[in-house]
Amino acid sequence: MNNNRFPPADMLINEISKLFDDSIRRKSVNYPSYEHFGGKKGFGARHILFRLAENKDRGINQRTLVQLTHLTAPTVSVALQKMEAQGLIKREQNPDDMRETMVCITEKGLDFHDFIRRSIAETQQQMFSDFTDEETEQLRGLLIKIKKNMTEGGAAEDEKTGGIS
């Protein structure tokens, strides 16, 4: 089905992603202590916060954060510096290997993570408000296919060639 009233699927995915981020950002501004999290700087690190919250008992090293978030090493490095200055994370030596530094989420980081999670749930509820359960699952299946295609095929080739064909 080709509906010329709408942009191609790739552009729609990009637009939806931006609308989703904008919605979360607007909700974040209303957080009672938003300024304590560094405004948009704290928000931009949500992918890192999510991974750190999942591993709050042991922390994660920086290289693993790069792999889990699909962000570049310099982006993660700069984000961690800002997050540390904001009190969202702390760095600790790995007790099992003193050569390794672990990144750990703080209580302040967990509070902000919880707020962002609630904001995401509200945004998802808005996004899928007129979807049936079947439509939601169908879309989820298609998005999983897209992600799989991007991570297993072409994306792996781009990494090998540096994006040059």
N, C-alpha and C. Protein backbone atom coordinates (compact mmCIF):
# COMPACT_ATOMS: atom_id res chain seq x y z
N MET A 1 0.85 -1.18 0.00
CA MET A 1 0.00 0.00 0.00
C MET A 1 0.89 1.23 0.00
N ASN A 2 0.74 2.06 -1.02
CA ASN A 2 1.55 3.27 -1.14
C ASN A 2 0.61 4.48 -1.05
N ASN A 3 0.69 5.19 0.05
CA ASN A 3 -0.14 6.37 0.24
C ASN A 3 0.74 7.59 0.08
N ASN A 4 0.57 8.32 -1.01
CA ASN A 4 1.43 9.45 -1.32
C ASN A 4 1.20 10.67 -0.43
N ARG A 5 0.16 10.65 0.40
CA ARG A 5 -0.09 11.77 1.31
C ARG A 5 0.94 11.81 2.44
N PHE A 6 1.58 10.70 2.72
CA PHE A 6 2.53 10.62 3.82
C PHE A 6 3.93 10.39 3.28
N PRO A 7 4.93 10.84 4.04
CA PRO A 7 6.31 10.59 3.60
C PRO A 7 6.64 9.10 3.66
N PRO A 8 7.76 8.70 3.07
CA PRO A 8 8.17 7.29 3.12
C PRO A 8 8.35 6.81 4.57
N ALA A 9 8.31 5.51 4.74
CA ALA A 9 8.37 4.91 6.08
C ALA A 9 9.59 5.36 6.87
N ASP A 10 10.75 5.46 6.21
CA ASP A 10 11.96 5.86 6.94
C ASP A 10 11.82 7.27 7.51
N MET A 11 11.21 8.16 6.76
CA MET A 11 11.01 9.52 7.25
C MET A 11 9.96 9.55 8.37
N LEU A 12 8.93 8.72 8.25
CA LEU A 12 7.92 8.63 9.31
C LEU A 12 8.54 8.14 10.62
N ILE A 13 9.41 7.14 10.51
CA ILE A 13 10.08 6.62 11.72
C ILE A 13 10.89 7.73 12.37
N ASN A 14 11.61 8.49 11.57
CA ASN A 14 12.41 9.60 12.09
C ASN A 14 11.52 10.67 12.73
N GLU A 15 10.41 11.02 12.07
CA GLU A 15 9.50 12.03 12.62
C GLU A 15 8.87 11.56 13.92
N ILE A 16 8.45 10.30 13.96
CA ILE A 16 7.84 9.76 15.18
C ILE A 16 8.86 9.76 16.32
N SER A 17 10.10 9.40 16.01
CA SER A 17 11.15 9.41 17.02
C SER A 17 11.35 10.81 17.59
N LYS A 18 11.36 11.80 16.73
CA LYS A 18 11.53 13.19 17.19
C LYS A 18 10.33 13.64 18.01
N LEU A 19 9.12 13.31 17.55
CA LEU A 19 7.92 13.67 18.32
C LEU A 19 7.93 13.01 19.70
N PHE A 20 8.36 11.75 19.75
CA PHE A 20 8.45 11.03 21.01
C PHE A 20 9.43 11.73 21.95
N ASP A 21 10.63 12.03 21.44
CA ASP A 21 11.64 12.72 22.26
C ASP A 21 11.14 14.09 22.73
N ASP A 22 10.50 14.82 21.83
CA ASP A 22 9.98 16.14 22.21
C ASP A 22 8.93 16.02 23.31
N SER A 23 8.09 15.01 23.23
CA SER A 23 7.06 14.81 24.25
C SER A 23 7.70 14.53 25.62
N ILE A 24 8.69 13.66 25.63
CA ILE A 24 9.39 13.35 26.89
C ILE A 24 10.09 14.60 27.42
N ARG A 25 10.71 15.34 26.55
CA ARG A 25 11.43 16.55 26.94
C ARG A 25 10.46 17.56 27.56
N ARG A 26 9.28 17.74 26.95
CA ARG A 26 8.28 18.68 27.50
C ARG A 26 7.83 18.23 28.89
N LYS A 27 7.62 16.94 29.07
CA LYS A 27 7.21 16.43 30.38
C LYS A 27 8.34 16.63 31.41
N SER A 28 9.58 16.47 30.97
CA SER A 28 10.72 16.59 31.87
C SER A 28 10.86 18.00 32.42
N VAL A 29 10.51 18.99 31.62
CA VAL A 29 10.63 20.37 32.07
C VAL A 29 9.72 20.61 33.27
N ASN A 30 8.65 19.84 33.37
CA ASN A 30 7.72 20.00 34.49
C ASN A 30 8.13 19.23 35.74
N TYR A 31 9.26 18.52 35.65
CA TYR A 31 9.73 17.77 36.81
C TYR A 31 10.10 18.76 37.92
N PRO A 32 9.66 18.52 39.17
CA PRO A 32 9.88 19.50 40.24
C PRO A 32 11.33 19.92 40.41
N SER A 33 12.26 19.02 40.19
CA SER A 33 13.68 19.34 40.38
C SER A 33 14.43 19.28 39.06
N TYR A 34 13.75 19.58 37.97
CA TYR A 34 14.34 19.44 36.64
C TYR A 34 15.68 20.18 36.52
N GLU A 35 15.72 21.39 37.05
CA GLU A 35 16.96 22.17 36.94
C GLU A 35 18.12 21.49 37.67
N HIS A 36 17.83 20.68 38.66
CA HIS A 36 18.88 19.97 39.39
C HIS A 36 19.49 18.84 38.56
N PHE A 37 18.79 18.45 37.51
CA PHE A 37 19.30 17.40 36.64
C PHE A 37 20.00 17.96 35.43
N GLY A 38 20.19 19.27 35.40
CA GLY A 38 20.93 19.88 34.30
C GLY A 38 20.08 20.15 33.08
N GLY A 39 18.78 20.26 33.25
CA GLY A 39 17.91 20.58 32.11
C GLY A 39 18.02 19.54 31.03
N LYS A 40 18.13 19.99 29.79
CA LYS A 40 18.16 19.07 28.65
C LYS A 40 19.39 18.17 28.68
N LYS A 41 20.46 18.62 29.31
CA LYS A 41 21.66 17.79 29.35
C LYS A 41 21.40 16.49 30.10
N GLY A 42 20.69 16.58 31.22
CA GLY A 42 20.35 15.37 31.97
C GLY A 42 19.40 14.48 31.19
N PHE A 43 18.47 15.12 30.47
CA PHE A 43 17.51 14.35 29.69
C PHE A 43 18.20 13.59 28.56
N GLY A 44 19.14 14.20 27.89
CA GLY A 44 19.79 13.59 26.74
C GLY A 44 20.53 12.31 27.07
N ALA A 45 20.76 12.06 28.31
CA ALA A 45 21.51 10.87 28.73
C ALA A 45 20.58 9.75 29.19
N ARG A 46 19.30 9.81 28.80
CA ARG A 46 18.36 8.83 29.33
C ARG A 46 18.71 7.40 28.95
N HIS A 47 19.28 7.19 27.76
CA HIS A 47 19.63 5.82 27.36
C HIS A 47 20.72 5.26 28.29
N ILE A 48 21.63 6.10 28.66
CA ILE A 48 22.68 5.69 29.61
C ILE A 48 22.06 5.42 30.97
N LEU A 49 21.19 6.31 31.42
CA LEU A 49 20.53 6.11 32.72
C LEU A 49 19.76 4.80 32.76
N PHE A 50 19.06 4.47 31.67
CA PHE A 50 18.28 3.23 31.64
C PHE A 50 19.19 2.03 31.83
N ARG A 51 20.30 2.01 31.13
CA ARG A 51 21.23 0.87 31.24
C ARG A 51 21.85 0.81 32.63
N LEU A 52 22.17 1.95 33.20
CA LEU A 52 22.76 1.97 34.54
C LEU A 52 21.73 1.53 35.59
N ALA A 53 20.48 1.93 35.40
CA ALA A 53 19.43 1.52 36.35
C ALA A 53 19.22 0.01 36.30
N GLU A 54 19.33 -0.58 35.10
CA GLU A 54 19.20 -2.03 34.97
C GLU A 54 20.32 -2.77 35.70
N ASN A 55 21.44 -2.09 35.87
CA ASN A 55 22.63 -2.70 36.50
C ASN A 55 23.03 -1.92 37.75
N LYS A 56 22.04 -1.43 38.49
CA LYS A 56 22.33 -0.53 39.61
C LYS A 56 23.14 -1.18 40.73
N ASP A 57 23.10 -2.49 40.83
CA ASP A 57 23.83 -3.17 41.91
C ASP A 57 25.31 -3.34 41.62
N ARG A 58 25.70 -3.32 40.36
CA ARG A 58 27.11 -3.58 40.05
C ARG A 58 27.75 -2.53 39.14
N GLY A 59 26.95 -1.70 38.47
CA GLY A 59 27.50 -0.71 37.55
C GLY A 59 27.93 -1.36 36.24
N ILE A 60 28.39 -0.51 35.32
CA ILE A 60 28.80 -0.97 33.99
C ILE A 60 30.05 -0.20 33.61
N ASN A 61 30.97 -0.85 32.90
CA ASN A 61 32.12 -0.09 32.43
C ASN A 61 31.73 0.71 31.18
N GLN A 62 32.54 1.69 30.86
CA GLN A 62 32.21 2.62 29.79
C GLN A 62 32.11 1.93 28.43
N ARG A 63 32.98 1.00 28.16
CA ARG A 63 32.96 0.28 26.88
C ARG A 63 31.65 -0.47 26.69
N THR A 64 31.15 -1.08 27.76
CA THR A 64 29.88 -1.80 27.69
C THR A 64 28.73 -0.83 27.47
N LEU A 65 28.79 0.35 28.10
CA LEU A 65 27.75 1.36 27.87
C LEU A 65 27.69 1.77 26.40
N VAL A 66 28.85 1.90 25.77
CA VAL A 66 28.90 2.24 24.35
C VAL A 66 28.18 1.16 23.55
N GLN A 67 28.45 -0.10 23.85
CA GLN A 67 27.83 -1.20 23.12
C GLN A 67 26.33 -1.27 23.37
N LEU A 68 25.91 -1.09 24.61
CA LEU A 68 24.49 -1.23 24.95
C LEU A 68 23.63 -0.08 24.43
N THR A 69 24.20 1.12 24.37
CA THR A 69 23.41 2.29 23.97
C THR A 69 23.52 2.60 22.49
N HIS A 70 24.46 1.98 21.79
CA HIS A 70 24.71 2.26 20.37
C HIS A 70 25.13 3.71 20.16
N LEU A 71 25.72 4.32 21.18
CA LEU A 71 26.27 5.67 21.07
C LEU A 71 27.77 5.54 20.81
N THR A 72 28.37 6.60 20.30
CA THR A 72 29.81 6.55 20.08
C THR A 72 30.54 6.72 21.41
N ALA A 73 31.78 6.27 21.45
CA ALA A 73 32.58 6.39 22.67
C ALA A 73 32.73 7.85 23.11
N PRO A 74 33.03 8.78 22.19
CA PRO A 74 33.13 10.19 22.62
C PRO A 74 31.80 10.74 23.17
N THR A 75 30.68 10.35 22.57
CA THR A 75 29.38 10.81 23.05
C THR A 75 29.13 10.31 24.47
N VAL A 76 29.42 9.04 24.71
CA VAL A 76 29.24 8.48 26.05
C VAL A 76 30.17 9.17 27.04
N SER A 77 31.40 9.39 26.65
CA SER A 77 32.38 10.03 27.53
C SER A 77 31.92 11.42 27.97
N VAL A 78 31.49 12.22 27.01
CA VAL A 78 31.02 13.58 27.32
C VAL A 78 29.76 13.53 28.18
N ALA A 79 28.82 12.65 27.82
CA ALA A 79 27.59 12.53 28.59
C ALA A 79 27.89 12.12 30.04
N LEU A 80 28.81 11.18 30.21
CA LEU A 80 29.15 10.74 31.57
C LEU A 80 29.78 11.87 32.38
N GLN A 81 30.61 12.66 31.75
CA GLN A 81 31.20 13.80 32.46
C GLN A 81 30.11 14.76 32.95
N LYS A 82 29.15 15.06 32.09
CA LYS A 82 28.06 15.96 32.46
C LYS A 82 27.17 15.34 33.53
N MET A 83 26.89 14.05 33.37
CA MET A 83 26.03 13.37 34.34
C MET A 83 26.70 13.28 35.70
N GLU A 84 28.00 13.09 35.71
CA GLU A 84 28.73 13.04 36.97
C GLU A 84 28.69 14.42 37.65
N ALA A 85 28.87 15.48 36.88
CA ALA A 85 28.82 16.84 37.42
C ALA A 85 27.42 17.15 37.99
N GLN A 86 26.39 16.54 37.41
CA GLN A 86 25.02 16.75 37.86
C GLN A 86 24.64 15.84 39.02
N GLY A 87 25.52 14.90 39.36
CA GLY A 87 25.24 13.99 40.46
C GLY A 87 24.36 12.82 40.09
N LEU A 88 24.21 12.55 38.79
CA LEU A 88 23.37 11.43 38.34
C LEU A 88 24.11 10.10 38.37
N ILE A 89 25.42 10.17 38.24
CA ILE A 89 26.25 8.95 38.25
C ILE A 89 27.48 9.19 39.10
N LYS A 90 28.16 8.09 39.41
CA LYS A 90 29.47 8.16 40.06
C LYS A 90 30.33 7.07 39.45
N ARG A 91 31.62 7.25 39.55
CA ARG A 91 32.56 6.26 39.02
C ARG A 91 33.28 5.61 40.20
N GLU A 92 33.41 4.28 40.11
CA GLU A 92 34.07 3.51 41.17
C GLU A 92 34.99 2.48 40.55
N GLN A 93 36.05 2.16 41.24
CA GLN A 93 36.94 1.09 40.78
C GLN A 93 36.22 -0.25 40.90
N ASN A 94 36.43 -1.10 39.91
CA ASN A 94 35.88 -2.45 39.95
C ASN A 94 36.64 -3.22 41.03
N PRO A 95 35.95 -3.72 42.05
CA PRO A 95 36.65 -4.44 43.13
C PRO A 95 37.35 -5.72 42.64
N ASP A 96 36.87 -6.28 41.51
CA ASP A 96 37.46 -7.50 40.98
C ASP A 96 38.65 -7.23 40.05
N ASP A 97 38.72 -6.00 39.53
CA ASP A 97 39.80 -5.63 38.62
C ASP A 97 40.04 -4.14 38.78
N MET A 98 41.03 -3.79 39.58
CA MET A 98 41.28 -2.39 39.92
C MET A 98 41.67 -1.52 38.72
N ARG A 99 41.96 -2.16 37.58
CA ARG A 99 42.29 -1.39 36.37
C ARG A 99 41.04 -0.84 35.70
N GLU A 100 39.90 -1.38 36.08
CA GLU A 100 38.65 -1.02 35.42
C GLU A 100 37.80 -0.09 36.30
N THR A 101 37.23 0.93 35.67
CA THR A 101 36.34 1.84 36.36
C THR A 101 34.91 1.52 35.97
N MET A 102 34.06 1.40 36.98
CA MET A 102 32.65 1.11 36.76
C MET A 102 31.85 2.40 36.91
N VAL A 103 30.84 2.56 36.07
CA VAL A 103 29.94 3.70 36.15
C VAL A 103 28.70 3.21 36.86
N CYS A 104 28.29 3.94 37.91
CA CYS A 104 27.14 3.54 38.73
C CYS A 104 26.15 4.69 38.81
N ILE A 105 24.88 4.36 38.85
CA ILE A 105 23.83 5.36 38.97
C ILE A 105 23.67 5.73 40.45
N THR A 106 23.42 7.01 40.72
CA THR A 106 23.21 7.48 42.08
C THR A 106 21.72 7.49 42.40
N GLU A 107 21.37 7.79 43.64
CA GLU A 107 19.96 7.91 44.02
C GLU A 107 19.29 9.01 43.20
N LYS A 108 19.99 10.12 43.01
CA LYS A 108 19.46 11.21 42.20
C LYS A 108 19.21 10.74 40.77
N GLY A 109 20.14 9.96 40.24
CA GLY A 109 19.97 9.39 38.90
C GLY A 109 18.79 8.45 38.83
N LEU A 110 18.61 7.63 39.87
CA LEU A 110 17.46 6.71 39.91
C LEU A 110 16.14 7.47 39.97
N ASP A 111 16.12 8.57 40.75
CA ASP A 111 14.90 9.39 40.81
C ASP A 111 14.55 9.94 39.44
N PHE A 112 15.55 10.46 38.74
CA PHE A 112 15.29 11.03 37.41
C PHE A 112 14.90 9.92 36.44
N HIS A 113 15.56 8.77 36.53
CA HIS A 113 15.22 7.62 35.68
C HIS A 113 13.76 7.23 35.88
N ASP A 114 13.30 7.17 37.13
CA ASP A 114 11.92 6.81 37.42
C ASP A 114 10.94 7.82 36.83
N PHE A 115 11.28 9.10 36.94
CA PHE A 115 10.42 10.13 36.37
C PHE A 115 10.34 9.99 34.84
N ILE A 116 11.48 9.78 34.20
CA ILE A 116 11.50 9.63 32.74
C ILE A 116 10.69 8.39 32.34
N ARG A 117 10.82 7.30 33.09
CA ARG A 117 10.04 6.08 32.80
C ARG A 117 8.54 6.38 32.83
N ARG A 118 8.10 7.13 33.85
CA ARG A 118 6.67 7.48 33.93
C ARG A 118 6.27 8.37 32.74
N SER A 119 7.13 9.29 32.36
CA SER A 119 6.85 10.16 31.21
C SER A 119 6.75 9.36 29.93
N ILE A 120 7.60 8.37 29.78
CA ILE A 120 7.56 7.51 28.59
C ILE A 120 6.25 6.72 28.57
N ALA A 121 5.83 6.20 29.72
CA ALA A 121 4.58 5.44 29.78
C ALA A 121 3.39 6.31 29.38
N GLU A 122 3.38 7.57 29.82
CA GLU A 122 2.30 8.50 29.44
C GLU A 122 2.33 8.75 27.93
N THR A 123 3.52 8.94 27.38
CA THR A 123 3.65 9.21 25.95
C THR A 123 3.23 7.99 25.14
N GLN A 124 3.59 6.79 25.59
CA GLN A 124 3.18 5.58 24.90
C GLN A 124 1.67 5.41 24.93
N GLN A 125 1.07 5.76 26.04
CA GLN A 125 -0.38 5.67 26.14
C GLN A 125 -1.03 6.60 25.12
N GLN A 126 -0.49 7.79 24.95
CA GLN A 126 -0.99 8.72 23.95
C GLN A 126 -0.78 8.16 22.54
N MET A 127 0.41 7.62 22.28
CA MET A 127 0.74 7.11 20.95
C MET A 127 -0.20 5.99 20.51
N PHE A 128 -0.55 5.12 21.42
CA PHE A 128 -1.32 3.93 21.08
C PHE A 128 -2.78 4.02 21.53
N SER A 129 -3.26 5.23 21.79
CA SER A 129 -4.60 5.41 22.37
C SER A 129 -5.72 4.83 21.50
N ASP A 130 -5.59 4.87 20.19
CA ASP A 130 -6.66 4.33 19.35
C ASP A 130 -6.23 3.06 18.61
N PHE A 131 -5.22 2.39 19.12
CA PHE A 131 -4.76 1.12 18.55
C PHE A 131 -5.43 -0.03 19.29
N THR A 132 -5.74 -1.08 18.57
CA THR A 132 -6.18 -2.32 19.22
C THR A 132 -4.92 -3.04 19.71
N ASP A 133 -5.10 -4.00 20.59
CA ASP A 133 -3.96 -4.80 21.05
C ASP A 133 -3.29 -5.49 19.87
N GLU A 134 -4.10 -5.96 18.93
CA GLU A 134 -3.57 -6.64 17.75
C GLU A 134 -2.73 -5.69 16.89
N GLU A 135 -3.19 -4.47 16.71
CA GLU A 135 -2.42 -3.48 15.93
C GLU A 135 -1.10 -3.13 16.62
N THR A 136 -1.16 -2.99 17.93
CA THR A 136 0.06 -2.69 18.69
C THR A 136 1.08 -3.81 18.53
N GLU A 137 0.64 -5.04 18.64
CA GLU A 137 1.55 -6.19 18.49
C GLU A 137 2.07 -6.31 17.06
N GLN A 138 1.23 -6.02 16.09
CA GLN A 138 1.65 -6.06 14.69
C GLN A 138 2.74 -5.01 14.44
N LEU A 139 2.52 -3.80 14.93
CA LEU A 139 3.53 -2.74 14.78
C LEU A 139 4.82 -3.13 15.49
N ARG A 140 4.70 -3.66 16.69
CA ARG A 140 5.88 -4.09 17.44
C ARG A 140 6.67 -5.12 16.65
N GLY A 141 5.98 -6.09 16.06
CA GLY A 141 6.65 -7.11 15.25
C GLY A 141 7.38 -6.51 14.06
N LEU A 142 6.76 -5.55 13.41
CA LEU A 142 7.40 -4.89 12.26
C LEU A 142 8.62 -4.09 12.69
N LEU A 143 8.51 -3.40 13.81
CA LEU A 143 9.65 -2.62 14.30
C LEU A 143 10.82 -3.53 14.71
N ILE A 144 10.49 -4.67 15.28
CA ILE A 144 11.53 -5.65 15.64
C ILE A 144 12.24 -6.13 14.38
N LYS A 145 11.49 -6.36 13.33
CA LYS A 145 12.09 -6.77 12.05
C LYS A 145 13.03 -5.69 11.52
N ILE A 146 12.59 -4.43 11.58
CA ILE A 146 13.43 -3.33 11.12
C ILE A 146 14.72 -3.28 11.94
N LYS A 147 14.58 -3.38 13.26
CA LYS A 147 15.77 -3.35 14.11
C LYS A 147 16.71 -4.50 13.79
N LYS A 148 16.15 -5.67 13.59
CA LYS A 148 16.97 -6.84 13.27
C LYS A 148 17.71 -6.62 11.95
N ASN A 149 17.00 -6.10 10.95
CA ASN A 149 17.64 -5.82 9.66
C ASN A 149 18.77 -4.81 9.81
N MET A 150 18.57 -3.84 10.66
CA MET A 150 19.58 -2.78 10.84
C MET A 150 20.78 -3.25 11.65
N THR A 151 20.58 -4.20 12.54
CA THR A 151 21.68 -4.63 13.41
C THR A 151 22.41 -5.84 12.88
N GLU A 152 21.76 -6.67 12.08
CA GLU A 152 22.41 -7.89 11.62
C GLU A 152 23.00 -7.79 10.23
N GLY A 153 22.40 -7.04 9.36
CA GLY A 153 22.84 -7.00 7.96
C GLY A 153 23.64 -5.77 7.63
N GLY A 154 22.94 -4.76 7.18
CA GLY A 154 23.57 -3.55 6.68
C GLY A 154 24.39 -2.80 7.70
N ALA A 155 23.90 -2.73 8.94
CA ALA A 155 24.63 -1.97 9.95
C ALA A 155 25.99 -2.59 10.23
N ALA A 156 26.04 -3.92 10.23
CA ALA A 156 27.32 -4.60 10.48
C ALA A 156 28.29 -4.31 9.34
N GLU A 157 27.79 -4.26 8.11
CA GLU A 157 28.64 -3.94 6.96
C GLU A 157 29.14 -2.51 7.05
N ASP A 158 28.26 -1.57 7.49
CA ASP A 158 28.67 -0.17 7.63
C ASP A 158 29.81 -0.04 8.62
N GLU A 159 29.75 -0.83 9.71
CA GLU A 159 30.82 -0.76 10.71
C GLU A 159 32.15 -1.24 10.11
N LYS A 160 32.10 -2.27 9.29
CA LYS A 160 33.32 -2.81 8.69
C LYS A 160 33.95 -1.82 7.71
N THR A 161 33.09 -1.13 6.96
CA THR A 161 33.60 -0.25 5.90
C THR A 161 33.65 1.20 6.34
N GLY A 162 33.21 1.48 7.58
CA GLY A 162 33.17 2.85 8.04
C GLY A 162 32.07 3.65 7.35
N GLY A 163 31.04 2.94 6.87
CA GLY A 163 29.92 3.59 6.21
C GLY A 163 30.17 3.90 4.75
N ILE A 164 31.32 3.48 4.23
CA ILE A 164 31.67 3.73 2.83
C ILE A 164 31.41 2.49 2.02
N SER A 165 30.63 2.63 0.96
CA SER A 165 30.32 1.47 0.11
C SER A 165 31.24 1.41 -1.07
